[in-house]
Each structure stands twice: as structure tokens, then as C-alpha cells.
N, C-alpha and C. Protein backbone atom coordinates (compact mmCIF):
# COMPACT_ATOMS: atom_id res chain seq x y z
N MET A 1 19.38 -11.30 2.61
CA MET A 1 18.28 -10.63 3.28
C MET A 1 18.06 -11.24 4.65
N VAL A 2 17.60 -10.42 5.56
CA VAL A 2 17.30 -10.87 6.91
C VAL A 2 15.79 -11.03 7.02
N LEU A 3 15.36 -12.15 7.54
CA LEU A 3 13.94 -12.41 7.72
C LEU A 3 13.39 -11.48 8.79
N ALA A 4 12.32 -10.75 8.46
CA ALA A 4 11.69 -9.85 9.41
C ALA A 4 10.53 -10.57 10.09
N GLU A 5 10.35 -10.30 11.36
CA GLU A 5 9.20 -10.87 12.07
C GLU A 5 7.99 -10.01 11.73
N ARG A 6 6.91 -10.66 11.30
CA ARG A 6 5.72 -9.93 10.91
C ARG A 6 4.93 -9.48 12.13
N THR A 7 4.37 -8.30 12.04
CA THR A 7 3.57 -7.70 13.10
C THR A 7 2.12 -8.14 12.96
N ALA A 8 1.52 -8.57 14.05
CA ALA A 8 0.12 -9.00 14.01
C ALA A 8 -0.79 -7.83 13.69
N ALA A 9 -1.78 -8.09 12.84
CA ALA A 9 -2.77 -7.08 12.50
C ALA A 9 -3.94 -7.18 13.47
N PRO A 10 -4.42 -6.06 13.97
CA PRO A 10 -5.59 -6.12 14.84
C PRO A 10 -6.82 -6.56 14.04
N GLU A 11 -7.69 -7.30 14.67
CA GLU A 11 -8.89 -7.79 14.01
C GLU A 11 -9.74 -6.60 13.55
N GLY A 12 -10.20 -6.68 12.31
CA GLY A 12 -11.08 -5.64 11.76
C GLY A 12 -10.37 -4.46 11.16
N ALA A 13 -9.04 -4.40 11.21
CA ALA A 13 -8.32 -3.28 10.60
C ALA A 13 -8.54 -3.28 9.09
N GLU A 14 -8.68 -2.10 8.53
CA GLU A 14 -8.99 -1.98 7.11
C GLU A 14 -8.32 -0.74 6.52
N VAL A 15 -7.77 -0.91 5.31
CA VAL A 15 -7.21 0.19 4.56
C VAL A 15 -8.08 0.36 3.30
N TYR A 16 -8.21 1.59 2.83
CA TYR A 16 -9.09 1.82 1.67
C TYR A 16 -8.70 3.12 0.95
N PHE A 17 -9.12 3.20 -0.31
CA PHE A 17 -8.96 4.42 -1.08
C PHE A 17 -10.14 5.32 -0.79
N ILE A 18 -9.90 6.61 -0.62
CA ILE A 18 -10.96 7.59 -0.42
C ILE A 18 -11.22 8.27 -1.77
N ASP A 19 -12.46 8.25 -2.23
CA ASP A 19 -12.88 8.93 -3.46
C ASP A 19 -12.15 8.44 -4.71
N LEU A 20 -11.76 7.17 -4.75
CA LEU A 20 -11.18 6.57 -5.96
C LEU A 20 -11.73 5.15 -6.05
N ASP A 21 -12.54 4.92 -7.07
CA ASP A 21 -13.21 3.64 -7.22
C ASP A 21 -12.63 2.83 -8.37
N ASP A 22 -12.79 1.53 -8.28
CA ASP A 22 -12.39 0.63 -9.35
C ASP A 22 -13.14 1.04 -10.62
N GLY A 23 -12.40 1.16 -11.73
CA GLY A 23 -12.99 1.53 -13.00
C GLY A 23 -13.08 3.03 -13.24
N ALA A 24 -12.60 3.84 -12.31
CA ALA A 24 -12.68 5.30 -12.45
C ALA A 24 -11.84 5.79 -13.63
N THR A 25 -12.33 6.84 -14.28
CA THR A 25 -11.56 7.54 -15.30
C THR A 25 -11.14 8.87 -14.69
N VAL A 26 -9.84 9.14 -14.71
CA VAL A 26 -9.27 10.30 -14.04
C VAL A 26 -8.30 11.01 -14.97
N SER A 27 -7.84 12.19 -14.55
CA SER A 27 -6.80 12.88 -15.30
C SER A 27 -5.56 12.98 -14.42
N SER A 28 -4.42 13.14 -15.07
CA SER A 28 -3.15 13.21 -14.35
C SER A 28 -2.83 14.68 -14.09
N PRO A 29 -2.28 15.01 -12.94
CA PRO A 29 -1.88 14.11 -11.86
C PRO A 29 -3.10 13.55 -11.11
N VAL A 30 -2.96 12.31 -10.64
CA VAL A 30 -4.04 11.62 -9.95
C VAL A 30 -3.85 11.82 -8.45
N LYS A 31 -4.85 12.45 -7.82
CA LYS A 31 -4.79 12.64 -6.37
C LYS A 31 -5.39 11.41 -5.71
N ILE A 32 -4.60 10.77 -4.85
CA ILE A 32 -5.02 9.54 -4.18
C ILE A 32 -4.95 9.78 -2.68
N LYS A 33 -6.09 9.56 -2.01
CA LYS A 33 -6.17 9.70 -0.55
C LYS A 33 -6.32 8.31 0.05
N PHE A 34 -5.62 8.08 1.16
CA PHE A 34 -5.62 6.77 1.82
C PHE A 34 -6.46 6.83 3.09
N GLY A 35 -7.30 5.82 3.29
CA GLY A 35 -8.07 5.71 4.51
C GLY A 35 -7.61 4.51 5.31
N LEU A 36 -7.79 4.59 6.63
CA LEU A 36 -7.40 3.50 7.52
C LEU A 36 -8.36 3.49 8.71
N SER A 37 -8.90 2.32 9.02
CA SER A 37 -9.73 2.20 10.22
C SER A 37 -9.23 1.03 11.06
N GLY A 38 -9.40 1.15 12.36
CA GLY A 38 -8.98 0.10 13.28
C GLY A 38 -7.51 0.14 13.65
N MET A 39 -6.78 1.13 13.11
CA MET A 39 -5.36 1.31 13.41
C MET A 39 -5.02 2.78 13.24
N GLY A 40 -3.79 3.14 13.59
CA GLY A 40 -3.30 4.49 13.39
C GLY A 40 -2.15 4.51 12.41
N VAL A 41 -1.89 5.68 11.84
CA VAL A 41 -0.78 5.87 10.92
C VAL A 41 0.42 6.38 11.71
N ALA A 42 1.59 5.79 11.45
CA ALA A 42 2.83 6.24 12.08
C ALA A 42 3.95 6.11 11.06
N PRO A 43 4.93 7.01 11.09
CA PRO A 43 6.04 6.92 10.15
C PRO A 43 6.80 5.60 10.29
N ALA A 44 7.44 5.19 9.20
CA ALA A 44 8.31 4.00 9.23
C ALA A 44 9.32 4.17 10.36
N GLY A 45 9.65 3.07 11.01
CA GLY A 45 10.61 3.10 12.10
C GLY A 45 10.00 3.39 13.46
N THR A 46 8.71 3.75 13.48
CA THR A 46 8.04 4.06 14.74
C THR A 46 7.48 2.76 15.33
N GLU A 47 7.97 2.42 16.51
CA GLU A 47 7.52 1.19 17.15
C GLU A 47 6.38 1.52 18.11
N LYS A 48 5.16 1.43 17.59
CA LYS A 48 3.97 1.71 18.38
C LYS A 48 2.90 0.72 17.96
N GLU A 49 2.29 0.06 18.94
CA GLU A 49 1.30 -0.97 18.67
C GLU A 49 0.15 -0.44 17.82
N ASN A 50 -0.34 -1.31 16.93
CA ASN A 50 -1.50 -1.03 16.08
C ASN A 50 -1.32 0.20 15.18
N THR A 51 -0.11 0.35 14.64
CA THR A 51 0.14 1.42 13.68
C THR A 51 0.85 0.84 12.46
N GLY A 52 0.89 1.63 11.42
CA GLY A 52 1.61 1.28 10.20
C GLY A 52 1.63 2.47 9.27
N HIS A 53 2.20 2.27 8.09
CA HIS A 53 2.22 3.32 7.09
C HIS A 53 1.87 2.72 5.73
N HIS A 54 1.45 3.57 4.83
CA HIS A 54 0.90 3.14 3.54
C HIS A 54 1.97 2.89 2.48
N HIS A 55 1.60 2.00 1.55
CA HIS A 55 2.37 1.72 0.33
C HIS A 55 1.35 1.55 -0.79
N ILE A 56 1.71 1.99 -1.98
CA ILE A 56 0.89 1.71 -3.16
C ILE A 56 1.67 0.74 -4.04
N LEU A 57 1.01 -0.36 -4.40
CA LEU A 57 1.56 -1.27 -5.40
C LEU A 57 0.95 -0.82 -6.72
N LEU A 58 1.80 -0.42 -7.65
CA LEU A 58 1.37 0.18 -8.92
C LEU A 58 1.72 -0.73 -10.08
N ASN A 59 0.71 -1.08 -10.87
CA ASN A 59 0.92 -1.84 -12.11
C ASN A 59 1.73 -3.11 -11.89
N ARG A 60 1.28 -3.89 -10.94
CA ARG A 60 1.95 -5.17 -10.64
C ARG A 60 0.92 -6.14 -10.06
N PRO A 61 1.26 -7.41 -9.94
CA PRO A 61 0.30 -8.37 -9.36
C PRO A 61 -0.04 -7.99 -7.92
N PRO A 62 -1.14 -8.55 -7.41
CA PRO A 62 -1.52 -8.29 -6.01
C PRO A 62 -0.42 -8.71 -5.03
N LEU A 63 -0.45 -8.11 -3.84
CA LEU A 63 0.52 -8.44 -2.79
C LEU A 63 0.60 -9.95 -2.62
N GLY A 64 1.82 -10.46 -2.57
CA GLY A 64 2.04 -11.89 -2.36
C GLY A 64 2.05 -12.70 -3.64
N GLU A 65 1.73 -12.08 -4.77
CA GLU A 65 1.71 -12.78 -6.04
C GLU A 65 2.82 -12.24 -6.94
N GLY A 66 3.09 -12.95 -8.02
CA GLY A 66 4.16 -12.54 -8.92
C GLY A 66 5.48 -13.16 -8.49
N PRO A 67 6.55 -12.85 -9.23
CA PRO A 67 7.84 -13.51 -9.00
C PRO A 67 8.46 -13.26 -7.62
N ASP A 68 8.19 -12.11 -7.02
CA ASP A 68 8.78 -11.80 -5.71
C ASP A 68 7.74 -11.76 -4.60
N GLY A 69 6.57 -12.33 -4.85
CA GLY A 69 5.45 -12.23 -3.92
C GLY A 69 5.72 -12.78 -2.54
N ALA A 70 6.29 -13.96 -2.46
CA ALA A 70 6.55 -14.56 -1.14
C ALA A 70 7.59 -13.76 -0.36
N GLU A 71 8.61 -13.26 -1.06
CA GLU A 71 9.67 -12.51 -0.39
C GLU A 71 9.15 -11.21 0.21
N GLU A 72 8.23 -10.52 -0.49
CA GLU A 72 7.76 -9.24 0.04
C GLU A 72 6.92 -9.43 1.30
N LEU A 73 6.28 -10.57 1.46
CA LEU A 73 5.53 -10.84 2.68
C LEU A 73 6.46 -11.11 3.85
N GLU A 74 7.60 -11.69 3.60
CA GLU A 74 8.53 -12.06 4.69
C GLU A 74 9.63 -11.04 4.94
N TYR A 75 10.11 -10.37 3.88
CA TYR A 75 11.26 -9.48 4.02
C TYR A 75 10.90 -8.01 3.92
N GLY A 76 9.69 -7.71 3.47
CA GLY A 76 9.28 -6.32 3.33
C GLY A 76 9.19 -5.91 1.88
N LEU A 77 8.56 -4.78 1.67
CA LEU A 77 8.32 -4.27 0.33
C LEU A 77 9.53 -3.50 -0.18
N PRO A 78 9.95 -3.77 -1.41
CA PRO A 78 11.04 -2.99 -1.99
C PRO A 78 10.55 -1.57 -2.28
N ALA A 79 11.44 -0.68 -2.57
CA ALA A 79 11.09 0.68 -2.97
C ALA A 79 11.52 0.85 -4.42
N ASP A 80 10.55 0.90 -5.31
CA ASP A 80 10.83 1.10 -6.73
C ASP A 80 9.59 1.68 -7.40
N GLU A 81 9.58 1.74 -8.73
CA GLU A 81 8.46 2.37 -9.44
C GLU A 81 7.14 1.61 -9.27
N ASN A 82 7.19 0.36 -8.83
CA ASN A 82 5.97 -0.42 -8.62
C ASN A 82 5.59 -0.57 -7.16
N HIS A 83 6.42 -0.06 -6.26
CA HIS A 83 6.20 -0.13 -4.81
C HIS A 83 6.49 1.26 -4.24
N ILE A 84 5.45 2.07 -4.07
CA ILE A 84 5.64 3.45 -3.64
C ILE A 84 5.40 3.52 -2.13
N HIS A 85 6.43 3.98 -1.42
CA HIS A 85 6.40 4.03 0.04
C HIS A 85 5.98 5.40 0.55
N PHE A 86 5.24 5.39 1.64
CA PHE A 86 4.84 6.62 2.31
C PHE A 86 5.27 6.52 3.77
N GLY A 87 6.57 6.31 3.95
CA GLY A 87 7.16 6.07 5.26
C GLY A 87 7.14 7.26 6.18
N GLY A 88 6.79 8.43 5.66
CA GLY A 88 6.67 9.60 6.52
C GLY A 88 5.31 9.70 7.20
N GLY A 89 4.45 8.71 6.91
CA GLY A 89 3.12 8.73 7.49
C GLY A 89 2.11 9.51 6.64
N GLN A 90 2.46 9.76 5.37
CA GLN A 90 1.57 10.49 4.49
C GLN A 90 0.25 9.74 4.29
N THR A 91 -0.82 10.50 4.06
CA THR A 91 -2.13 9.90 3.85
C THR A 91 -2.73 10.30 2.50
N GLU A 92 -1.92 10.92 1.65
CA GLU A 92 -2.36 11.22 0.28
C GLU A 92 -1.14 11.50 -0.58
N VAL A 93 -1.37 11.40 -1.90
CA VAL A 93 -0.30 11.65 -2.85
C VAL A 93 -0.92 12.12 -4.16
N SER A 94 -0.15 12.84 -4.94
CA SER A 94 -0.54 13.22 -6.29
C SER A 94 0.47 12.56 -7.22
N LEU A 95 0.00 11.61 -8.05
CA LEU A 95 0.89 10.86 -8.94
C LEU A 95 0.71 11.29 -10.39
N ASP A 96 1.82 11.56 -11.04
CA ASP A 96 1.81 11.83 -12.48
C ASP A 96 1.84 10.48 -13.18
N LEU A 97 0.72 10.06 -13.73
CA LEU A 97 0.64 8.79 -14.43
C LEU A 97 0.35 9.04 -15.90
N PRO A 98 0.99 8.29 -16.80
CA PRO A 98 0.72 8.46 -18.22
C PRO A 98 -0.69 7.97 -18.57
N ALA A 99 -1.19 8.44 -19.70
CA ALA A 99 -2.51 8.00 -20.17
C ALA A 99 -2.52 6.49 -20.31
N GLY A 100 -3.67 5.89 -20.00
CA GLY A 100 -3.82 4.45 -20.11
C GLY A 100 -4.41 3.87 -18.84
N THR A 101 -4.44 2.55 -18.78
CA THR A 101 -5.00 1.84 -17.64
C THR A 101 -3.88 1.50 -16.66
N HIS A 102 -4.16 1.70 -15.38
CA HIS A 102 -3.20 1.42 -14.31
C HIS A 102 -3.90 0.65 -13.20
N THR A 103 -3.15 -0.23 -12.53
CA THR A 103 -3.69 -0.93 -11.37
C THR A 103 -3.03 -0.38 -10.11
N LEU A 104 -3.83 -0.35 -9.04
CA LEU A 104 -3.37 0.16 -7.74
C LEU A 104 -3.85 -0.78 -6.65
N GLN A 105 -2.99 -1.00 -5.67
CA GLN A 105 -3.37 -1.71 -4.46
C GLN A 105 -2.72 -0.99 -3.29
N LEU A 106 -3.48 -0.70 -2.27
CA LEU A 106 -2.97 -0.06 -1.07
C LEU A 106 -2.63 -1.15 -0.06
N VAL A 107 -1.43 -1.05 0.52
CA VAL A 107 -0.94 -2.04 1.48
C VAL A 107 -0.40 -1.30 2.70
N LEU A 108 -0.77 -1.73 3.88
CA LEU A 108 -0.23 -1.15 5.10
C LEU A 108 1.01 -1.94 5.49
N GLY A 109 2.08 -1.23 5.80
CA GLY A 109 3.31 -1.87 6.26
C GLY A 109 3.60 -1.47 7.69
N ASP A 110 4.35 -2.33 8.38
CA ASP A 110 4.73 -2.02 9.76
C ASP A 110 5.95 -1.10 9.78
N LEU A 111 6.56 -0.95 10.92
CA LEU A 111 7.69 -0.04 11.05
C LEU A 111 8.85 -0.39 10.12
N ASN A 112 8.93 -1.65 9.68
CA ASN A 112 10.01 -2.10 8.80
C ASN A 112 9.55 -2.32 7.35
N HIS A 113 8.40 -1.78 6.96
CA HIS A 113 7.84 -1.94 5.61
C HIS A 113 7.38 -3.36 5.31
N VAL A 114 7.17 -4.16 6.35
CA VAL A 114 6.71 -5.54 6.18
C VAL A 114 5.19 -5.56 6.34
N PRO A 115 4.45 -6.17 5.41
CA PRO A 115 3.00 -6.26 5.59
C PRO A 115 2.65 -7.00 6.88
N HIS A 116 1.56 -6.58 7.50
CA HIS A 116 1.11 -7.19 8.75
C HIS A 116 0.66 -8.64 8.51
N ASP A 117 0.39 -9.34 9.60
CA ASP A 117 -0.06 -10.72 9.53
C ASP A 117 -1.40 -10.84 10.22
N PRO A 118 -2.50 -11.00 9.48
CA PRO A 118 -2.57 -11.08 8.02
C PRO A 118 -2.41 -9.70 7.40
N PRO A 119 -2.06 -9.66 6.09
CA PRO A 119 -1.85 -8.37 5.42
C PRO A 119 -3.12 -7.52 5.42
N ILE A 120 -2.92 -6.21 5.56
CA ILE A 120 -4.02 -5.24 5.50
C ILE A 120 -3.89 -4.55 4.15
N THR A 121 -4.77 -4.91 3.23
CA THR A 121 -4.69 -4.42 1.85
C THR A 121 -6.07 -4.09 1.32
N THR A 122 -6.07 -3.34 0.23
CA THR A 122 -7.29 -3.19 -0.56
C THR A 122 -7.27 -4.27 -1.62
N ASP A 123 -8.39 -4.45 -2.28
CA ASP A 123 -8.39 -5.22 -3.53
C ASP A 123 -7.62 -4.39 -4.54
N VAL A 124 -7.15 -5.02 -5.59
CA VAL A 124 -6.51 -4.29 -6.69
C VAL A 124 -7.63 -3.59 -7.46
N ILE A 125 -7.43 -2.29 -7.73
CA ILE A 125 -8.38 -1.56 -8.55
C ILE A 125 -7.69 -1.13 -9.84
N SER A 126 -8.50 -0.89 -10.87
CA SER A 126 -7.99 -0.38 -12.14
C SER A 126 -8.57 1.00 -12.37
N ILE A 127 -7.73 1.92 -12.82
CA ILE A 127 -8.19 3.25 -13.19
C ILE A 127 -7.69 3.55 -14.60
N THR A 128 -8.38 4.41 -15.29
CA THR A 128 -7.96 4.85 -16.61
C THR A 128 -7.62 6.32 -16.54
N VAL A 129 -6.39 6.65 -16.95
CA VAL A 129 -5.95 8.03 -16.99
C VAL A 129 -6.14 8.53 -18.42
N GLU A 130 -6.87 9.64 -18.56
CA GLU A 130 -7.10 10.23 -19.90
C GLU A 130 -6.02 11.22 -20.25
């Protein structure tokens, strides 16, 4: 792997879930809307100051924690069932999730899918799908 240089986060930048709260009970498919303040959304690969694109960490430890936590901060987020990328600049998604409890964390990535420095994330929330 090649070490990526992390992009500085502007002071006060914040990412958040719109209309989805910790502890919510929902039905599948789950519509998730992403909010961002203090920055703009741009597709992956777009080199423009103070922009990024969204990622959802699904059913895994918070960003930077777990067995690959340090690597994802330095090398970027992998793309798999626990790391959902929105590199096209999408600001919402409809996810088919099985019944049960799921954890979600929204993370903003730079043009190379690397979290900003410091990372712009939500807290991990839990939802229950009926």
C-alpha cells in the first residue's frame, strides 16, 4: 500500500444523518440522507479545497478502531460490505438491511477516500430494522 497524505479538515466542518436518530426503529429498505456543513460534496477524484464525499461504516467498530483501524486513517477506506462508498457525490441511499440491530457511522473522505485530518465523522448510531 502507498501512504496517502491526509487532507486538512476545515475548522467546524460537520457531517450528520438527516432524519435518522440513534435508537430509531425503521423498516427495510432504510432511506439514509447525509448532511454536511462547513464543506462541500464532490465526487471522488475531484481535487477541490474543502470538499469530500460520504462513506457509511456499517456494523463495524468506529473509524480508527478495530483490526484495520490505523490503516484506514492512513491509506483510505476499503470498499466492502462494511465500508460503503458514495464516490459519485451522492447524498442519500436506500439500503436493504435484514431485520435486527445495525450500527452506522458516516465518514467524510477526501478525493482518495482517505478520512480528513482530523476525521469528519458522526458518532456511531444503532438502528433496529423490523
